[in-house]
Amino acid sequence: MPHIPIGLFLAAASFLVQSAIFLRWLHRRMRDDEIARTFVRDVATNHLPHIYSALRQIAEQQGIHLEEPPLVQFLEVNGRPRRWRHSATR
């Protein structure tokens, strides 16, 4: 009978360790997704207008007429809008 408490302790310890590892992995995965979304949003809102401007200048030098660049629109697929915070407000 003395082996039963040791077995329960080892099972509980194993469960706690596996849960901690899973929660760490889940947090890292969610953080990586958030970083990727922020990067894509930053590129679309800050860098694309400059890229379009440079391409327009190159096209004018080459004598090519370009239409207006498309507006950047974000689609929320889960139905609820996200609140984006700027780093200056944190």
N, C-alpha and C. Protein backbone atom coordinates (compact mmCIF):
# COMPACT_ATOMS: atom_id res chain seq x y z
N MET A 1 0.78 -1.21 0.00
CA MET A 1 0.00 0.00 0.00
C MET A 1 0.82 1.28 0.00
N PRO A 2 2.07 1.30 0.42
CA PRO A 2 2.80 2.57 0.42
C PRO A 2 3.10 3.08 -0.98
N HIS A 3 2.93 2.24 -2.01
CA HIS A 3 3.22 2.66 -3.37
C HIS A 3 2.11 3.51 -3.97
N ILE A 4 0.90 3.43 -3.44
CA ILE A 4 -0.23 4.18 -3.99
C ILE A 4 -0.05 5.69 -3.81
N PRO A 5 0.32 6.21 -2.62
CA PRO A 5 0.51 7.66 -2.49
C PRO A 5 1.66 8.19 -3.36
N ILE A 6 2.70 7.37 -3.49
CA ILE A 6 3.81 7.80 -4.35
C ILE A 6 3.35 7.87 -5.81
N GLY A 7 2.56 6.90 -6.22
CA GLY A 7 2.03 6.89 -7.59
C GLY A 7 1.11 8.07 -7.85
N LEU A 8 0.26 8.39 -6.88
CA LEU A 8 -0.62 9.56 -7.04
C LEU A 8 0.18 10.85 -7.09
N PHE A 9 1.20 10.95 -6.25
CA PHE A 9 2.05 12.13 -6.27
C PHE A 9 2.75 12.29 -7.61
N LEU A 10 3.30 11.20 -8.13
CA LEU A 10 4.00 11.26 -9.42
C LEU A 10 3.03 11.60 -10.56
N ALA A 11 1.81 11.06 -10.51
CA ALA A 11 0.81 11.37 -11.53
C ALA A 11 0.43 12.84 -11.48
N ALA A 12 0.23 13.36 -10.25
CA ALA A 12 -0.12 14.78 -10.10
C ALA A 12 1.03 15.67 -10.56
N ALA A 13 2.25 15.31 -10.22
CA ALA A 13 3.41 16.09 -10.64
C ALA A 13 3.55 16.08 -12.15
N SER A 14 3.35 14.92 -12.76
CA SER A 14 3.43 14.81 -14.22
C SER A 14 2.36 15.67 -14.89
N PHE A 15 1.16 15.62 -14.34
CA PHE A 15 0.06 16.44 -14.88
C PHE A 15 0.39 17.93 -14.79
N LEU A 16 0.91 18.37 -13.67
CA LEU A 16 1.25 19.78 -13.48
C LEU A 16 2.36 20.23 -14.44
N VAL A 17 3.36 19.39 -14.61
CA VAL A 17 4.46 19.73 -15.52
C VAL A 17 3.95 19.80 -16.96
N GLN A 18 3.15 18.83 -17.38
CA GLN A 18 2.61 18.85 -18.74
C GLN A 18 1.68 20.03 -18.96
N SER A 19 0.89 20.38 -17.95
CA SER A 19 0.00 21.53 -18.07
C SER A 19 0.79 22.82 -18.19
N ALA A 20 1.85 22.96 -17.41
CA ALA A 20 2.68 24.16 -17.48
C ALA A 20 3.35 24.29 -18.85
N ILE A 21 3.84 23.18 -19.37
CA ILE A 21 4.48 23.21 -20.69
C ILE A 21 3.45 23.56 -21.77
N PHE A 22 2.26 22.98 -21.67
CA PHE A 22 1.21 23.29 -22.65
C PHE A 22 0.81 24.75 -22.58
N LEU A 23 0.63 25.29 -21.38
CA LEU A 23 0.23 26.70 -21.24
C LEU A 23 1.32 27.63 -21.75
N ARG A 24 2.57 27.27 -21.52
CA ARG A 24 3.68 28.08 -22.06
C ARG A 24 3.66 28.06 -23.58
N TRP A 25 3.46 26.88 -24.17
CA TRP A 25 3.39 26.77 -25.63
C TRP A 25 2.21 27.57 -26.17
N LEU A 26 1.06 27.47 -25.51
CA LEU A 26 -0.13 28.20 -25.96
C LEU A 26 0.08 29.70 -25.88
N HIS A 27 0.68 30.17 -24.81
CA HIS A 27 0.95 31.61 -24.68
C HIS A 27 1.90 32.08 -25.77
N ARG A 28 2.95 31.31 -26.02
CA ARG A 28 3.92 31.69 -27.05
C ARG A 28 3.26 31.70 -28.43
N ARG A 29 2.42 30.73 -28.71
CA ARG A 29 1.73 30.66 -30.00
C ARG A 29 0.80 31.86 -30.19
N MET A 30 0.05 32.20 -29.14
CA MET A 30 -0.85 33.36 -29.23
C MET A 30 -0.05 34.64 -29.39
N ARG A 31 1.07 34.76 -28.71
CA ARG A 31 1.90 35.96 -28.82
C ARG A 31 2.50 36.05 -30.22
N ASP A 32 2.96 34.95 -30.77
CA ASP A 32 3.51 34.97 -32.13
C ASP A 32 2.45 35.39 -33.15
N ASP A 33 1.21 34.91 -32.98
CA ASP A 33 0.13 35.31 -33.88
C ASP A 33 -0.16 36.80 -33.76
N GLU A 34 -0.13 37.31 -32.54
CA GLU A 34 -0.37 38.74 -32.32
C GLU A 34 0.74 39.58 -32.96
N ILE A 35 1.98 39.13 -32.85
CA ILE A 35 3.11 39.84 -33.47
C ILE A 35 2.95 39.83 -34.98
N ALA A 36 2.55 38.70 -35.55
CA ALA A 36 2.37 38.61 -37.00
C ALA A 36 1.26 39.54 -37.47
N ARG A 37 0.14 39.58 -36.75
CA ARG A 37 -0.97 40.48 -37.12
C ARG A 37 -0.53 41.94 -37.03
N THR A 38 0.20 42.28 -35.99
CA THR A 38 0.68 43.65 -35.83
C THR A 38 1.64 44.02 -36.94
N PHE A 39 2.51 43.10 -37.32
CA PHE A 39 3.47 43.35 -38.40
C PHE A 39 2.74 43.60 -39.72
N VAL A 40 1.78 42.74 -40.04
CA VAL A 40 1.03 42.91 -41.30
C VAL A 40 0.27 44.22 -41.30
N ARG A 41 -0.34 44.57 -40.19
CA ARG A 41 -1.08 45.83 -40.09
C ARG A 41 -0.13 47.02 -40.26
N ASP A 42 1.05 46.95 -39.64
CA ASP A 42 2.02 48.03 -39.75
C ASP A 42 2.51 48.19 -41.19
N VAL A 43 2.80 47.08 -41.84
CA VAL A 43 3.25 47.15 -43.23
C VAL A 43 2.16 47.76 -44.10
N ALA A 44 0.92 47.35 -43.90
CA ALA A 44 -0.18 47.83 -44.73
C ALA A 44 -0.47 49.31 -44.50
N THR A 45 -0.39 49.76 -43.27
CA THR A 45 -0.77 51.15 -43.00
C THR A 45 0.38 52.13 -43.11
N ASN A 46 1.60 51.70 -42.84
CA ASN A 46 2.73 52.64 -42.84
C ASN A 46 3.64 52.53 -44.06
N HIS A 47 3.82 51.34 -44.57
CA HIS A 47 4.81 51.16 -45.63
C HIS A 47 4.21 51.10 -47.03
N LEU A 48 3.03 50.52 -47.18
CA LEU A 48 2.43 50.44 -48.52
C LEU A 48 2.20 51.80 -49.17
N PRO A 49 1.74 52.82 -48.44
CA PRO A 49 1.59 54.13 -49.10
C PRO A 49 2.91 54.66 -49.66
N HIS A 50 4.02 54.43 -48.96
CA HIS A 50 5.32 54.88 -49.47
C HIS A 50 5.75 54.06 -50.68
N ILE A 51 5.46 52.78 -50.65
CA ILE A 51 5.80 51.92 -51.79
C ILE A 51 4.98 52.34 -53.01
N TYR A 52 3.67 52.58 -52.82
CA TYR A 52 2.84 53.04 -53.93
C TYR A 52 3.32 54.37 -54.48
N SER A 53 3.74 55.26 -53.61
CA SER A 53 4.24 56.56 -54.05
C SER A 53 5.51 56.39 -54.90
N ALA A 54 6.42 55.56 -54.44
CA ALA A 54 7.66 55.34 -55.20
C ALA A 54 7.37 54.67 -56.54
N LEU A 55 6.46 53.71 -56.56
CA LEU A 55 6.10 53.07 -57.83
C LEU A 55 5.44 54.05 -58.78
N ARG A 56 4.62 54.96 -58.25
CA ARG A 56 3.98 55.97 -59.07
C ARG A 56 5.03 56.90 -59.71
N GLN A 57 6.03 57.28 -58.93
CA GLN A 57 7.10 58.13 -59.47
C GLN A 57 7.88 57.41 -60.56
N ILE A 58 8.18 56.14 -60.34
CA ILE A 58 8.89 55.35 -61.36
C ILE A 58 8.04 55.23 -62.61
N ALA A 59 6.74 54.98 -62.45
CA ALA A 59 5.85 54.85 -63.60
C ALA A 59 5.76 56.17 -64.36
N GLU A 60 5.71 57.30 -63.67
CA GLU A 60 5.68 58.60 -64.36
C GLU A 60 6.95 58.82 -65.16
N GLN A 61 8.09 58.43 -64.62
CA GLN A 61 9.35 58.57 -65.36
C GLN A 61 9.36 57.69 -66.60
N GLN A 62 8.68 56.55 -66.54
CA GLN A 62 8.63 55.64 -67.68
C GLN A 62 7.48 55.96 -68.63
N GLY A 63 6.64 56.91 -68.25
CA GLY A 63 5.52 57.28 -69.09
C GLY A 63 4.34 56.33 -68.99
N ILE A 64 4.20 55.65 -67.88
CA ILE A 64 3.12 54.69 -67.68
C ILE A 64 2.07 55.34 -66.79
N HIS A 65 0.80 55.22 -67.21
CA HIS A 65 -0.30 55.76 -66.40
C HIS A 65 -0.82 54.67 -65.45
N LEU A 66 -0.87 54.99 -64.17
CA LEU A 66 -1.37 54.05 -63.18
C LEU A 66 -2.66 54.58 -62.57
N GLU A 67 -3.54 53.66 -62.22
CA GLU A 67 -4.75 54.04 -61.52
C GLU A 67 -4.40 54.27 -60.05
N GLU A 68 -5.37 54.79 -59.31
CA GLU A 68 -5.14 55.02 -57.88
C GLU A 68 -4.89 53.69 -57.18
N PRO A 69 -3.99 53.68 -56.19
CA PRO A 69 -3.76 52.42 -55.46
C PRO A 69 -4.98 52.06 -54.62
N PRO A 70 -5.18 50.80 -54.37
CA PRO A 70 -6.35 50.40 -53.58
C PRO A 70 -6.20 50.83 -52.12
N LEU A 71 -7.33 51.08 -51.48
CA LEU A 71 -7.32 51.41 -50.07
C LEU A 71 -7.08 50.15 -49.25
N VAL A 72 -6.44 50.31 -48.13
CA VAL A 72 -6.19 49.18 -47.24
C VAL A 72 -7.41 49.01 -46.35
N GLN A 73 -8.02 47.83 -46.43
CA GLN A 73 -9.18 47.53 -45.60
C GLN A 73 -8.91 46.22 -44.86
N PHE A 74 -9.27 46.21 -43.59
CA PHE A 74 -9.07 45.02 -42.78
C PHE A 74 -10.41 44.35 -42.55
N LEU A 75 -10.43 43.05 -42.67
CA LEU A 75 -11.64 42.27 -42.49
C LEU A 75 -11.53 41.51 -41.18
N GLU A 76 -12.52 41.69 -40.33
CA GLU A 76 -12.55 40.95 -39.07
C GLU A 76 -13.35 39.67 -39.30
N VAL A 77 -12.68 38.53 -39.25
CA VAL A 77 -13.33 37.27 -39.58
C VAL A 77 -14.11 36.68 -38.42
N ASN A 78 -13.85 37.10 -37.21
CA ASN A 78 -14.57 36.52 -36.08
C ASN A 78 -15.77 37.36 -35.66
N GLY A 79 -16.07 38.43 -36.37
CA GLY A 79 -17.28 39.20 -36.13
C GLY A 79 -17.19 40.27 -35.07
N ARG A 80 -16.08 40.37 -34.38
CA ARG A 80 -15.97 41.44 -33.39
C ARG A 80 -14.72 42.25 -33.69
N PRO A 81 -14.84 43.56 -33.63
CA PRO A 81 -13.68 44.40 -33.96
C PRO A 81 -12.61 44.31 -32.88
N ARG A 82 -11.39 44.40 -33.32
CA ARG A 82 -10.26 44.37 -32.39
C ARG A 82 -9.87 45.79 -32.05
N ARG A 83 -9.41 45.99 -30.86
CA ARG A 83 -8.90 47.29 -30.45
C ARG A 83 -7.40 47.27 -30.61
N TRP A 84 -6.89 48.11 -31.48
CA TRP A 84 -5.45 48.20 -31.71
C TRP A 84 -4.91 49.35 -30.90
N ARG A 85 -3.87 49.07 -30.13
CA ARG A 85 -3.24 50.10 -29.34
C ARG A 85 -1.91 50.43 -29.97
N HIS A 86 -1.60 51.71 -29.96
CA HIS A 86 -0.30 52.14 -30.46
C HIS A 86 0.70 52.04 -29.31
N SER A 87 1.96 51.90 -29.65
CA SER A 87 2.98 51.74 -28.62
C SER A 87 3.13 53.01 -27.79
N ALA A 88 2.71 54.17 -28.32
CA ALA A 88 2.82 55.42 -27.57
C ALA A 88 1.80 55.49 -26.44
N THR A 89 0.69 54.73 -26.55
CA THR A 89 -0.36 54.79 -25.54
C THR A 89 -0.15 53.78 -24.42
N ARG A 90 0.81 52.90 -24.55
CA ARG A 90 1.04 51.87 -23.52
C ARG A 90 1.82 52.43 -22.37
